[in-house]
Amino acid sequence: MKTVPVVLDSIGKIKDFVNAVSQFKCDFDLVSGRYVIDAKSIMGIFSLDLSKPVDLMIHSDDTDTVDRICEILKPYTV
């Protein structure tokens, strides 16, 4: 499992982010304070406070997959 901070500060970014993480089979969670939601849920993302970075938890033990995910998600990372 790996955690990276991400910024989702526009509707377009959120849509593109959900499309990017949805192409992978592993699980993703977004953590904002005490709230944890599925990062593949666009409605769940809109329930978070997006005025500041949130933590993306990537639930995968395959380092190659995690590296590929991090590369694809670079536009959203802090």
C-alpha atoms as a PDB file:
ATOM      1  CA  MET A   1       0.000   0.000   0.000  1.00  0.00           C
ATOM      2  CA  LYS A   2       1.213   3.507  -0.836  1.00  0.00           C
ATOM      3  CA  THR A   3      -0.191   6.913   0.099  1.00  0.00           C
ATOM      4  CA  VAL A   4       0.269  10.036  -2.031  1.00  0.00           C
ATOM      5  CA  PRO A   5      -1.266  13.509  -1.617  1.00  0.00           C
ATOM      6  CA  VAL A   6      -3.430  14.680  -4.531  1.00  0.00           C
ATOM      7  CA  VAL A   7      -5.155  17.945  -5.440  1.00  0.00           C
ATOM      8  CA  LEU A   8      -8.569  17.761  -7.111  1.00  0.00           C
ATOM      9  CA  ASP A   9      -9.514  21.401  -7.503  1.00  0.00           C
ATOM     10  CA  SER A  10     -11.799  21.366 -10.553  1.00  0.00           C
ATOM     11  CA  ILE A  11     -14.656  19.301 -11.937  1.00  0.00           C
ATOM     12  CA  GLY A  12     -12.615  18.395 -15.018  1.00  0.00           C
ATOM     13  CA  LYS A  13      -9.715  17.204 -12.882  1.00  0.00           C
ATOM     14  CA  ILE A  14     -12.038  15.057 -10.764  1.00  0.00           C
ATOM     15  CA  LYS A  15     -13.581  13.452 -13.854  1.00  0.00           C
ATOM     16  CA  ASP A  16     -10.178  12.724 -15.391  1.00  0.00           C
ATOM     17  CA  PHE A  17      -8.865  11.408 -12.050  1.00  0.00           C
ATOM     18  CA  VAL A  18     -11.775   8.961 -11.667  1.00  0.00           C
ATOM     19  CA  ASN A  19     -11.281   7.761 -15.248  1.00  0.00           C
ATOM     20  CA  ALA A  20      -7.552   7.251 -14.577  1.00  0.00           C
ATOM     21  CA  VAL A  21      -7.962   5.213 -11.365  1.00  0.00           C
ATOM     22  CA  SER A  22     -10.897   3.222 -12.772  1.00  0.00           C
ATOM     23  CA  GLN A  23      -8.651   1.558 -15.348  1.00  0.00           C
ATOM     24  CA  PHE A  24      -6.839  -0.354 -12.559  1.00  0.00           C
ATOM     25  CA  LYS A  25      -8.206  -3.386 -10.723  1.00  0.00           C
ATOM     26  CA  CYS A  26      -6.719  -2.513  -7.321  1.00  0.00           C
ATOM     27  CA  ASP A  27      -8.597  -0.490  -4.716  1.00  0.00           C
ATOM     28  CA  PHE A  28      -8.088   3.223  -4.115  1.00  0.00           C
ATOM     29  CA  ASP A  29      -9.282   5.303  -1.165  1.00  0.00           C
ATOM     30  CA  LEU A  30      -9.266   9.058  -0.700  1.00  0.00           C
ATOM     31  CA  VAL A  31      -8.753  10.239   2.883  1.00  0.00           C
ATOM     32  CA  SER A  32      -9.723  13.703   4.076  1.00  0.00           C
ATOM     33  CA  GLY A  33      -9.613  14.069   7.842  1.00  0.00           C
ATOM     34  CA  ARG A  34     -11.740  11.278   9.268  1.00  0.00           C
ATOM     35  CA  TYR A  35     -13.539  10.577   5.984  1.00  0.00           C
ATOM     36  CA  VAL A  36     -12.470   7.701   3.731  1.00  0.00           C
ATOM     37  CA  ILE A  37     -14.192   7.216   0.379  1.00  0.00           C
ATOM     38  CA  ASP A  38     -13.701   5.054  -2.707  1.00  0.00           C
ATOM     39  CA  ALA A  39     -11.556   7.038  -5.166  1.00  0.00           C
ATOM     40  CA  LYS A  40     -13.453   5.473  -8.085  1.00  0.00           C
ATOM     41  CA  SER A  41     -16.694   7.122  -6.890  1.00  0.00           C
ATOM     42  CA  ILE A  42     -17.180  10.552  -8.425  1.00  0.00           C
ATOM     43  CA  MET A  43     -20.109  11.251  -6.077  1.00  0.00           C
ATOM     44  CA  GLY A  44     -18.007  10.259  -3.077  1.00  0.00           C
ATOM     45  CA  ILE A  45     -15.220  12.625  -4.130  1.00  0.00           C
ATOM     46  CA  PHE A  46     -17.655  15.537  -4.272  1.00  0.00           C
ATOM     47  CA  SER A  47     -18.580  14.855  -0.633  1.00  0.00           C
ATOM     48  CA  LEU A  48     -15.016  15.668   0.491  1.00  0.00           C
ATOM     49  CA  ASP A  49     -13.464  19.025   1.357  1.00  0.00           C
ATOM     50  CA  LEU A  50     -11.415  19.584  -1.816  1.00  0.00           C
ATOM     51  CA  SER A  51     -10.097  23.010  -0.829  1.00  0.00           C
ATOM     52  CA  LYS A  52      -6.877  21.308   0.327  1.00  0.00           C
ATOM     53  CA  PRO A  53      -4.945  18.196  -0.750  1.00  0.00           C
ATOM     54  CA  VAL A  54      -6.358  14.785   0.141  1.00  0.00           C
ATOM     55  CA  ASP A  55      -4.445  11.535   0.584  1.00  0.00           C
ATOM     56  CA  LEU A  56      -4.807   8.814  -2.032  1.00  0.00           C
ATOM     57  CA  MET A  57      -4.232   5.322  -0.656  1.00  0.00           C
ATOM     58  CA  ILE A  58      -3.250   2.799  -3.340  1.00  0.00           C
ATOM     59  CA  HIS A  59      -4.018  -0.741  -2.162  1.00  0.00           C
ATOM     60  CA  SER A  60      -1.593  -2.863  -4.177  1.00  0.00           C
ATOM     61  CA  ASP A  61       1.482  -4.868  -3.238  1.00  0.00           C
ATOM     62  CA  ASP A  62       2.757  -5.018  -6.830  1.00  0.00           C
ATOM     63  CA  THR A  63       5.478  -2.354  -7.037  1.00  0.00           C
ATOM     64  CA  ASP A  64       5.375  -2.233 -10.843  1.00  0.00           C
ATOM     65  CA  THR A  65       1.653  -1.484 -10.775  1.00  0.00           C
ATOM     66  CA  VAL A  66       2.082   1.154  -8.058  1.00  0.00           C
ATOM     67  CA  ASP A  67       4.867   2.819 -10.046  1.00  0.00           C
ATOM     68  CA  ARG A  68       2.684   2.862 -13.175  1.00  0.00           C
ATOM     69  CA  ILE A  69      -0.242   4.303 -11.200  1.00  0.00           C
ATOM     70  CA  CYS A  70       1.971   7.037  -9.717  1.00  0.00           C
ATOM     71  CA  GLU A  71       3.235   7.949 -13.184  1.00  0.00           C
ATOM     72  CA  ILE A  72      -0.296   8.253 -14.581  1.00  0.00           C
ATOM     73  CA  LEU A  73      -1.473  10.268 -11.569  1.00  0.00           C
ATOM     74  CA  LYS A  74       1.417  12.789 -11.635  1.00  0.00           C
ATOM     75  CA  PRO A  75      -0.842  15.649 -12.859  1.00  0.00           C
ATOM     76  CA  TYR A  76      -2.872  15.302  -9.635  1.00  0.00           C
ATOM     77  CA  THR A  77      -0.089  14.831  -7.075  1.00  0.00           C
ATOM     78  CA  VAL A  78       1.270  17.614  -4.911  1.00  0.00           C
END
